[in-house]
């Protein structure tokens, strides 16, 4: 188990939010590995931060008013996850690239105009979110990174890569950056290849459609058409279909409503997120209330709540 320090403030108003770091408190918890001070009003990080908390592997300072990071921030050598989204950062110190173990960093919703050119030299960096900033370019060194798997850069002013490519998602951005950094030619391996060609000459060989497949037969029986006809009638119930008794039908309808409520509650974790954003914020095993991103939208709901989407479903059903 690792020690955690939470000084989080989740209220909409900032009346009770912290404005300055409690240095007296930080000096007594140097062994802590997780630090969460999101949703406060911090405008700066004291230079002593990395001295008092040298063992941090997780830092969440999102939803504050930070305008810069101290040079000493790069001395958090154990840091793996850094959340700085929804601040007022305009630039990052060059020492930021010293964070050799950093795997995931969220810098979205800031005022960044540029990024350190050596960002691609961070050998552990896997996920980077710089969306909703004022960037006019991404460092080309990111294309040389062997560890980087996901990069989000939507809603910027990028010219390199073009913003149109950035808005297409992570795969397009990485492809562009890597094309700007062509790989050095590798020596061809001797011996026979284990890959079998899928073409004959210059022509792809496509398997002819089989008119006797189960799918084709089903379409034909349901629509009274052959496989080549373009005119299709609505699907009819299967021949062996049977009608449910009223009690069983009601039970199934209620089950559908319960399922919709549960699905709506679980779906809150990813509501309004793009696929790349879901991949950035969640691992395949972390889609739960405890791991849900606590932004201003998701912080309004309590554990087990469904949203207004399910309310509309019920109102229409009634």
Protein backbone atom coordinates (compact mmCIF):
# COMPACT_ATOMS: atom_id res chain seq x y z
CA UNK A 1 0.00 0.00 0.00
CA UNK A 2 1.19 3.53 -0.71
CA UNK A 3 0.39 6.65 1.27
CA UNK A 4 -1.92 9.27 -0.24
CA UNK A 5 -2.44 12.93 0.54
CA UNK A 6 -5.75 14.51 -0.51
CA UNK A 7 -6.44 18.23 -0.18
CA UNK A 8 -9.15 18.24 -2.80
CA UNK A 9 -11.97 20.76 -3.10
CA UNK A 10 -14.96 19.74 -5.23
CA UNK A 11 -17.48 22.54 -4.63
CA UNK A 12 -18.54 24.82 -7.45
CA UNK A 13 -17.66 27.96 -5.44
CA UNK A 14 -14.07 28.72 -4.46
CA UNK A 15 -14.84 30.18 -1.03
CA UNK A 16 -13.22 27.32 0.89
CA UNK A 17 -10.59 26.39 -1.70
CA UNK A 18 -6.90 26.57 -0.80
CA UNK A 19 -4.84 29.38 -2.28
CA UNK A 20 -1.37 28.48 -1.00
CA UNK A 21 0.36 25.16 -0.44
CA UNK A 22 0.47 24.12 3.24
CA UNK A 23 4.27 23.77 3.44
CA UNK A 24 4.12 22.76 7.11
CA UNK A 25 1.97 19.81 6.15
CA UNK A 26 4.10 18.83 3.16
CA UNK A 27 7.30 18.80 5.20
CA UNK A 28 5.86 16.05 7.42
CA UNK A 29 4.72 13.62 4.70
CA UNK A 30 7.87 13.11 2.63
CA UNK A 31 7.18 9.38 2.24
CA UNK A 32 3.86 9.89 0.42
CA UNK A 33 3.54 8.56 -3.13
CA UNK A 34 0.20 10.04 -4.22
CA UNK A 35 -0.78 13.72 -4.06
CA UNK A 36 -4.22 15.09 -5.03
CA UNK A 37 -4.81 18.83 -4.71
CA UNK A 38 -7.28 19.27 -7.55
CA UNK A 39 -10.14 21.79 -7.57
CA UNK A 40 -8.38 24.47 -5.53
CA UNK A 41 -7.08 27.97 -6.32
CA UNK A 42 -3.31 27.45 -6.33
CA UNK A 43 -1.53 29.97 -8.54
CA UNK A 44 1.97 28.52 -8.14
CA UNK A 45 3.84 25.46 -6.92
CA UNK A 46 6.56 26.18 -4.35
CA UNK A 47 10.08 25.28 -5.44
CA UNK A 48 10.36 23.10 -2.31
CA UNK A 49 7.58 20.82 -3.54
CA UNK A 50 9.91 18.22 -5.05
CA UNK A 51 12.14 18.35 -1.96
CA UNK A 52 9.34 17.72 0.51
CA UNK A 53 7.68 15.01 -1.61
CA UNK A 54 10.49 13.27 -3.52
CA UNK A 55 8.78 9.87 -3.76
CA UNK A 56 5.61 10.94 -5.55
CA UNK A 57 4.47 8.68 -8.39
CA UNK A 58 1.03 10.32 -8.88
CA UNK A 59 0.25 14.06 -8.82
CA UNK A 60 -3.15 15.63 -9.53
CA UNK A 61 -3.12 19.44 -9.62
CA UNK A 62 -5.93 19.78 -12.13
CA UNK A 63 -8.56 22.52 -11.89
CA UNK A 64 -6.37 25.13 -10.25
CA UNK A 65 -4.93 28.47 -11.43
CA UNK A 66 -1.31 27.51 -12.03
CA UNK A 67 0.47 29.73 -14.54
CA UNK A 68 3.92 28.11 -14.44
CA UNK A 69 5.90 25.20 -13.01
CA UNK A 70 9.13 25.68 -11.03
CA UNK A 71 12.38 24.37 -12.51
CA UNK A 72 12.67 22.03 -9.54
CA UNK A 73 9.50 20.21 -10.66
CA UNK A 74 11.67 18.11 -12.96
CA UNK A 75 13.30 16.49 -9.92
CA UNK A 76 10.28 14.30 -9.18
CA UNK A 77 12.20 11.35 -10.58
CA UNK A 78 9.62 8.74 -9.47
CA UNK A 79 6.64 10.50 -11.04
CA UNK A 80 4.56 8.30 -13.39
CA UNK A 81 1.21 10.13 -13.68
CA UNK A 82 0.79 13.91 -13.82
CA UNK A 83 -2.58 15.68 -14.17
CA UNK A 84 -2.31 19.43 -14.80
CA UNK A 85 -5.40 19.94 -16.93
CA UNK A 86 -7.65 22.99 -16.46
CA UNK A 87 -5.01 25.45 -15.30
CA UNK A 88 -3.44 28.56 -16.85
CA UNK A 89 -0.04 27.19 -17.87
CA UNK A 90 1.63 29.05 -20.74
CA UNK A 91 4.87 27.09 -20.96
CA UNK A 92 6.79 24.21 -19.40
CA UNK A 93 10.32 24.39 -18.00
CA UNK A 94 13.05 22.53 -19.85
CA UNK A 95 13.54 20.46 -16.70
CA UNK A 96 10.14 18.91 -17.42
CA UNK A 97 11.97 16.47 -19.71
CA UNK A 98 13.94 15.18 -16.71
CA UNK A 99 10.86 13.22 -15.60
CA UNK A 100 12.29 10.00 -16.95
CA UNK A 101 9.62 7.72 -15.47
CA UNK A 102 6.63 9.83 -16.49
CA UNK A 103 4.13 7.66 -18.38
CA UNK A 104 0.95 9.73 -18.51
CA UNK A 105 0.53 13.52 -18.53
CA UNK A 106 -2.61 15.61 -19.01
CA UNK A 107 -1.97 19.24 -19.99
CA UNK A 108 -5.32 19.88 -21.64
CA UNK A 109 -7.35 23.06 -21.09
CA UNK A 110 -4.39 25.38 -20.48
CA UNK A 111 -2.83 28.28 -22.39
CA UNK A 112 0.29 26.53 -23.67
CA UNK A 113 1.82 28.11 -26.75
CA UNK A 114 4.77 25.73 -27.12
CA UNK A 115 6.21 22.51 -25.70
CA UNK A 116 9.82 21.60 -24.87
CA UNK A 117 11.58 20.36 -28.00
CA UNK A 118 13.09 17.41 -26.12
CA UNK A 119 9.71 16.07 -25.08
CA UNK A 120 10.21 13.06 -27.34
CA UNK A 121 13.31 12.04 -25.39
CA UNK A 122 11.21 11.07 -22.36
CA UNK A 123 11.75 7.35 -22.64
CA UNK A 124 8.75 6.24 -20.55
CA UNK A 125 6.09 8.63 -21.90
CA UNK A 126 3.09 6.66 -23.20
CA UNK A 127 0.08 9.02 -23.11
CA UNK A 128 0.10 12.78 -23.71
CA UNK A 129 -2.93 15.09 -23.72
CA UNK A 130 -2.36 18.68 -24.89
CA UNK A 131 -5.85 19.39 -26.23
CA UNK A 132 -7.54 22.77 -25.79
CA UNK A 133 -4.39 24.91 -25.76
CA UNK A 134 -2.85 27.50 -28.08
CA UNK A 135 -0.10 25.34 -29.59
CA UNK A 136 1.07 26.15 -33.10
CA UNK A 137 3.26 23.05 -33.38
CA UNK A 138 4.11 19.75 -31.72
CA UNK A 139 7.76 18.81 -31.16
CA UNK A 140 8.92 16.60 -34.03
CA UNK A 141 10.97 14.61 -31.53
CA UNK A 142 7.71 12.99 -30.42
CA UNK A 143 7.86 11.05 -33.68
CA UNK A 144 11.07 9.39 -32.51
CA UNK A 145 9.59 8.18 -29.24
CA UNK A 146 9.34 4.40 -29.03
CA UNK A 147 7.14 4.46 -25.94
CA UNK A 148 4.49 7.02 -27.01
CA UNK A 149 1.21 5.27 -27.85
CA UNK A 150 -1.43 7.99 -27.47
CA UNK A 151 -1.38 11.73 -28.11
CA UNK A 152 -4.36 14.10 -28.02
CA UNK A 153 -4.01 17.56 -29.57
CA UNK A 154 -7.51 18.62 -30.60
CA UNK A 155 -8.61 22.28 -30.47
CA UNK A 156 -5.23 23.97 -30.87
CA UNK A 157 -3.77 26.21 -33.60
CA UNK A 158 -1.27 23.71 -34.94
CA UNK A 159 0.47 24.11 -38.27
CA UNK A 160 2.78 21.15 -37.73
CA UNK A 161 1.01 18.77 -37.81
CA UNK A 162 -1.89 20.66 -39.43
CA UNK A 163 -4.74 21.09 -36.99
CA UNK A 164 -6.97 19.09 -39.33
CA UNK A 165 -4.76 16.06 -38.72
CA UNK A 166 -4.68 16.70 -34.96
CA UNK A 167 -8.47 16.69 -34.87
CA UNK A 168 -8.55 13.27 -36.55
CA UNK A 169 -7.13 11.59 -33.47
CA UNK A 170 -4.03 10.03 -32.02
CA UNK A 171 -3.32 7.56 -34.81
CA UNK A 172 -3.19 10.30 -37.46
CA UNK A 173 -0.95 12.55 -35.33
CA UNK A 174 1.53 9.77 -34.56
CA UNK A 175 1.65 8.73 -38.23
CA UNK A 176 2.42 12.31 -39.28
CA UNK A 177 5.14 12.81 -36.68
CA UNK A 178 6.78 9.49 -37.47
CA UNK A 179 6.77 10.28 -41.17
CA UNK A 180 8.78 13.40 -40.34
CA UNK A 181 11.34 11.16 -38.65
CA UNK A 182 11.91 8.27 -41.07
CA UNK A 183 13.37 5.16 -39.54
CA UNK A 184 16.90 4.16 -40.37
CA UNK A 185 17.01 1.21 -42.78
CA UNK A 186 17.21 -2.09 -40.96
CA UNK A 187 19.21 -5.06 -42.11
CA UNK A 188 17.07 -7.67 -43.80
CA UNK A 189 16.82 -10.92 -41.95
CA UNK A 190 18.21 -13.94 -43.72
CA UNK A 191 16.06 -16.99 -44.25
CA UNK A 192 12.54 -17.62 -45.45
CA UNK A 193 9.75 -15.33 -44.46
CA UNK A 194 6.89 -16.66 -42.36
CA UNK A 195 4.41 -14.33 -44.07
CA UNK A 196 2.37 -15.64 -46.98
CA UNK A 197 1.51 -13.16 -49.75
CA UNK A 198 -2.14 -12.27 -50.19
CA UNK A 199 -1.79 -11.25 -53.83
CA UNK A 200 -1.02 -13.07 -57.03
CA UNK A 201 1.10 -10.87 -59.18
CA UNK A 202 -0.39 -7.40 -58.86
CA UNK A 203 -4.00 -8.58 -58.46
CA UNK A 204 -5.75 -9.21 -55.16
CA UNK A 205 -7.53 -12.57 -55.07
CA UNK A 206 -11.01 -12.15 -53.63
CA UNK A 207 -13.15 -15.09 -52.65
CA UNK A 208 -16.42 -15.22 -54.65
CA UNK A 209 -19.59 -14.71 -52.65
CA UNK A 210 -21.30 -17.92 -51.67
CA UNK A 211 -25.07 -17.87 -52.36
CA UNK A 212 -25.58 -20.79 -49.96
CA UNK A 213 -24.27 -19.20 -46.77
CA UNK A 214 -26.54 -19.00 -43.74
CA UNK A 215 -26.59 -15.20 -43.87
CA UNK A 216 -27.64 -15.13 -47.52
CA UNK A 217 -30.35 -17.73 -46.94
CA UNK A 218 -31.68 -15.79 -43.94
CA UNK A 219 -31.89 -12.54 -45.92
CA UNK A 220 -33.66 -14.33 -48.74
CA UNK A 221 -36.24 -15.98 -46.47
CA UNK A 222 -36.92 -12.77 -44.55
CA UNK A 223 -37.22 -10.42 -47.50
CA UNK A 224 -38.58 -12.69 -50.27
CA UNK A 225 -35.77 -11.50 -52.51
CA UNK A 226 -32.69 -13.08 -53.99
CA UNK A 227 -29.19 -12.00 -53.02
CA UNK A 228 -28.78 -9.73 -56.04
CA UNK A 229 -32.04 -7.81 -55.69
CA UNK A 230 -31.85 -4.21 -54.48
CA UNK A 231 -35.49 -4.07 -53.41
CA UNK A 232 -36.01 -5.36 -49.87
CA UNK A 233 -39.08 -5.51 -47.69
CA UNK A 234 -39.00 -5.03 -43.90
CA UNK A 235 -37.83 -8.06 -41.90
CA UNK A 236 -40.58 -10.29 -40.57
CA UNK A 237 -40.52 -12.30 -37.31
CA UNK A 238 -38.93 -15.74 -37.69
CA UNK A 239 -41.24 -18.64 -38.48
CA UNK A 240 -40.75 -20.21 -35.04
CA UNK A 241 -41.36 -16.94 -33.13
CA UNK A 242 -43.84 -17.06 -30.25
CA UNK A 243 -45.66 -14.42 -28.24
CA UNK A 244 -44.75 -13.89 -24.57
CA UNK A 245 -47.34 -14.07 -21.77
CA UNK A 246 -48.18 -10.62 -20.34
CA UNK A 247 -46.34 -11.20 -17.03
CA UNK A 248 -43.18 -12.36 -18.78
CA UNK A 249 -43.34 -9.47 -21.23
CA UNK A 250 -43.64 -6.94 -18.38
CA UNK A 251 -40.73 -8.61 -16.60
CA UNK A 252 -38.55 -8.28 -19.68
CA UNK A 253 -39.51 -4.63 -20.19
CA UNK A 254 -38.66 -3.85 -16.55
CA UNK A 255 -35.37 -5.70 -17.03
CA UNK A 256 -34.60 -3.50 -20.04
CA UNK A 257 -35.24 -0.37 -17.95
CA UNK A 258 -32.99 -1.61 -15.15
CA UNK A 259 -30.32 -2.37 -17.72
CA UNK A 260 -30.67 1.10 -19.24
CA UNK A 261 -30.30 2.71 -15.79
CA UNK A 262 -27.17 0.68 -15.01
CA UNK A 263 -25.74 1.37 -18.45
CA UNK A 264 -26.39 5.10 -18.04
CA UNK A 265 -24.66 5.16 -14.64
CA UNK A 266 -21.64 3.25 -15.94
CA UNK A 267 -21.56 5.32 -19.13
CA UNK A 268 -21.17 8.50 -17.08
CA UNK A 269 -17.45 7.66 -16.87
CA UNK A 270 -17.03 8.29 -20.60
CA UNK A 271 -19.92 10.65 -21.42
CA UNK A 272 -18.95 13.35 -23.96
CA UNK A 273 -15.51 11.80 -24.45
CA UNK A 274 -13.89 10.89 -27.75
CA UNK A 275 -12.54 7.33 -28.10
CA UNK A 276 -8.96 8.57 -27.76
CA UNK A 277 -9.88 10.48 -24.60
CA UNK A 278 -11.44 7.32 -23.10
CA UNK A 279 -8.26 5.43 -23.87
CA UNK A 280 -6.18 8.22 -22.30
CA UNK A 281 -8.12 8.42 -19.04
CA UNK A 282 -9.04 4.77 -18.47
CA UNK A 283 -7.38 1.39 -18.54
CA UNK A 284 -9.51 -1.59 -19.48
CA UNK A 285 -9.76 -2.59 -15.81
CA UNK A 286 -10.38 0.88 -14.33
CA UNK A 287 -13.84 1.79 -15.62
CA UNK A 288 -15.49 2.21 -12.22
CA UNK A 289 -16.71 4.96 -9.93
CA UNK A 290 -13.47 4.98 -7.95
CA UNK A 291 -11.41 5.62 -11.10
CA UNK A 292 -13.83 8.02 -12.80
CA UNK A 293 -12.39 11.32 -13.99
CA UNK A 294 -13.56 13.99 -11.55
CA UNK A 295 -14.15 16.97 -13.81
CA UNK A 296 -16.86 19.57 -13.28
CA UNK A 297 -19.41 17.55 -15.24
CA UNK A 298 -18.88 14.21 -13.53
CA UNK A 299 -18.47 15.72 -10.05
CA UNK A 300 -22.17 16.67 -10.00
CA UNK A 301 -23.30 13.05 -9.69
CA UNK A 302 -23.25 10.79 -6.66
CA UNK A 303 -22.25 7.13 -6.72
CA UNK A 304 -25.05 5.06 -8.27
CA UNK A 305 -26.79 8.02 -9.93
CA UNK A 306 -28.06 7.89 -13.47
CA UNK A 307 -28.21 10.99 -15.65
CA UNK A 308 -31.00 12.90 -17.36
CA UNK A 309 -30.61 10.57 -20.36
CA UNK A 310 -32.32 7.76 -18.44
CA UNK A 311 -34.89 10.19 -17.02
CA UNK A 312 -35.95 10.95 -20.60
CA UNK A 313 -36.14 7.23 -21.37
CA UNK A 314 -38.51 6.65 -18.45
CA UNK A 315 -40.67 9.67 -19.26
CA UNK A 316 -41.12 8.45 -22.83
CA UNK A 317 -41.88 4.91 -21.68
CA UNK A 318 -44.59 6.22 -19.36
